[in-house]
Amino acid sequence: MATINPVQFIQQVRAEVSKVVWPTRREVLLTTVMVFLMAALTAVFFALVDLLIKTGLTSVLGYFG
């Protein structure tokens, strides 16, 4: 494995970091809000599915028990 000069390594790292397209504050805020919104919608969906399954099982077990 070839050894790399630490100064050359730092220069290469800085060159690569300068190529990164960083998101704006608005993009970060919008993405964060969307993640929280989707997480809340998913939680509500699974809560409703859980309630439906519970109700169904309760009625089936009540009918046979």
C-alpha atoms as a PDB file:
ATOM      1  CA  MET A   1       0.000   0.000   0.000  1.00  0.00           C
ATOM      2  CA  ALA A   2       1.376   3.400  -0.959  1.00  0.00           C
ATOM      3  CA  THR A   3       2.040   5.935   1.749  1.00  0.00           C
ATOM      4  CA  ILE A   4       0.495   9.380   1.344  1.00  0.00           C
ATOM      5  CA  ASN A   5       1.981  12.613   2.546  1.00  0.00           C
ATOM      6  CA  PRO A   6      -0.308  14.059   5.294  1.00  0.00           C
ATOM      7  CA  VAL A   7      -0.243  17.508   3.671  1.00  0.00           C
ATOM      8  CA  GLN A   8      -1.250  16.027   0.322  1.00  0.00           C
ATOM      9  CA  PHE A   9      -4.007  14.047   2.051  1.00  0.00           C
ATOM     10  CA  ILE A  10      -5.407  17.215   3.668  1.00  0.00           C
ATOM     11  CA  GLN A  11      -5.351  18.982   0.302  1.00  0.00           C
ATOM     12  CA  GLN A  12      -7.245  16.124  -1.325  1.00  0.00           C
ATOM     13  CA  VAL A  13      -9.813  16.089   1.463  1.00  0.00           C
ATOM     14  CA  ARG A  14     -10.377  19.835   1.140  1.00  0.00           C
ATOM     15  CA  ALA A  15     -10.737  19.492  -2.626  1.00  0.00           C
ATOM     16  CA  GLU A  16     -13.386  16.771  -2.204  1.00  0.00           C
ATOM     17  CA  VAL A  17     -15.282  18.692   0.483  1.00  0.00           C
ATOM     18  CA  SER A  18     -15.422  21.743  -1.786  1.00  0.00           C
ATOM     19  CA  LYS A  19     -17.253  19.591  -4.390  1.00  0.00           C
ATOM     20  CA  VAL A  20     -20.069  18.796  -1.963  1.00  0.00           C
ATOM     21  CA  VAL A  21     -23.337  20.617  -2.625  1.00  0.00           C
ATOM     22  CA  TRP A  22     -24.557  21.583   0.832  1.00  0.00           C
ATOM     23  CA  PRO A  23     -28.311  22.033   1.343  1.00  0.00           C
ATOM     24  CA  THR A  24     -29.706  25.441   2.200  1.00  0.00           C
ATOM     25  CA  ARG A  25     -31.331  26.148   5.550  1.00  0.00           C
ATOM     26  CA  ARG A  26     -34.758  26.141   3.848  1.00  0.00           C
ATOM     27  CA  GLU A  27     -34.130  22.726   2.269  1.00  0.00           C
ATOM     28  CA  VAL A  28     -33.060  21.266   5.606  1.00  0.00           C
ATOM     29  CA  LEU A  29     -36.096  22.721   7.370  1.00  0.00           C
ATOM     30  CA  LEU A  30     -38.492  21.487   4.679  1.00  0.00           C
ATOM     31  CA  THR A  31     -36.990  18.003   4.677  1.00  0.00           C
ATOM     32  CA  THR A  32     -37.134  17.826   8.478  1.00  0.00           C
ATOM     33  CA  VAL A  33     -40.791  18.855   8.518  1.00  0.00           C
ATOM     34  CA  MET A  34     -41.598  16.256   5.855  1.00  0.00           C
ATOM     35  CA  VAL A  35     -39.865  13.516   7.870  1.00  0.00           C
ATOM     36  CA  PHE A  36     -41.838  14.391  10.997  1.00  0.00           C
ATOM     37  CA  LEU A  37     -45.081  14.582   9.007  1.00  0.00           C
ATOM     38  CA  MET A  38     -44.521  11.179   7.391  1.00  0.00           C
ATOM     39  CA  ALA A  39     -43.595   9.660  10.761  1.00  0.00           C
ATOM     40  CA  ALA A  40     -46.810  11.025  12.294  1.00  0.00           C
ATOM     41  CA  LEU A  41     -48.932   9.744   9.393  1.00  0.00           C
ATOM     42  CA  THR A  42     -47.297   6.334   9.643  1.00  0.00           C
ATOM     43  CA  ALA A  43     -47.934   6.221  13.399  1.00  0.00           C
ATOM     44  CA  VAL A  44     -51.607   7.102  12.902  1.00  0.00           C
ATOM     45  CA  PHE A  45     -51.961   4.490  10.153  1.00  0.00           C
ATOM     46  CA  PHE A  46     -50.494   1.699  12.261  1.00  0.00           C
ATOM     47  CA  ALA A  47     -52.518   2.769  15.309  1.00  0.00           C
ATOM     48  CA  LEU A  48     -55.701   2.474  13.241  1.00  0.00           C
ATOM     49  CA  VAL A  49     -54.652  -0.903  11.836  1.00  0.00           C
ATOM     50  CA  ASP A  50     -53.859  -2.099  15.361  1.00  0.00           C
ATOM     51  CA  LEU A  51     -57.254  -0.889  16.598  1.00  0.00           C
ATOM     52  CA  LEU A  52     -58.994  -2.647  13.710  1.00  0.00           C
ATOM     53  CA  ILE A  53     -57.188  -5.930  14.382  1.00  0.00           C
ATOM     54  CA  LYS A  54     -57.899  -5.661  18.124  1.00  0.00           C
ATOM     55  CA  THR A  55     -61.603  -5.012  17.497  1.00  0.00           C
ATOM     56  CA  GLY A  56     -61.812  -7.905  15.059  1.00  0.00           C
ATOM     57  CA  LEU A  57     -60.076 -10.340  17.368  1.00  0.00           C
ATOM     58  CA  THR A  58     -62.145  -9.219  20.360  1.00  0.00           C
ATOM     59  CA  SER A  59     -65.380  -9.800  18.463  1.00  0.00           C
ATOM     60  CA  VAL A  60     -64.257 -13.193  17.099  1.00  0.00           C
ATOM     61  CA  LEU A  61     -63.057 -14.374  20.515  1.00  0.00           C
ATOM     62  CA  GLY A  62     -66.212 -13.032  22.160  1.00  0.00           C
ATOM     63  CA  TYR A  63     -68.345 -14.933  19.657  1.00  0.00           C
ATOM     64  CA  PHE A  64     -66.586 -18.272  20.303  1.00  0.00           C
ATOM     65  CA  GLY A  65     -65.766 -17.754  23.971  1.00  0.00           C
END
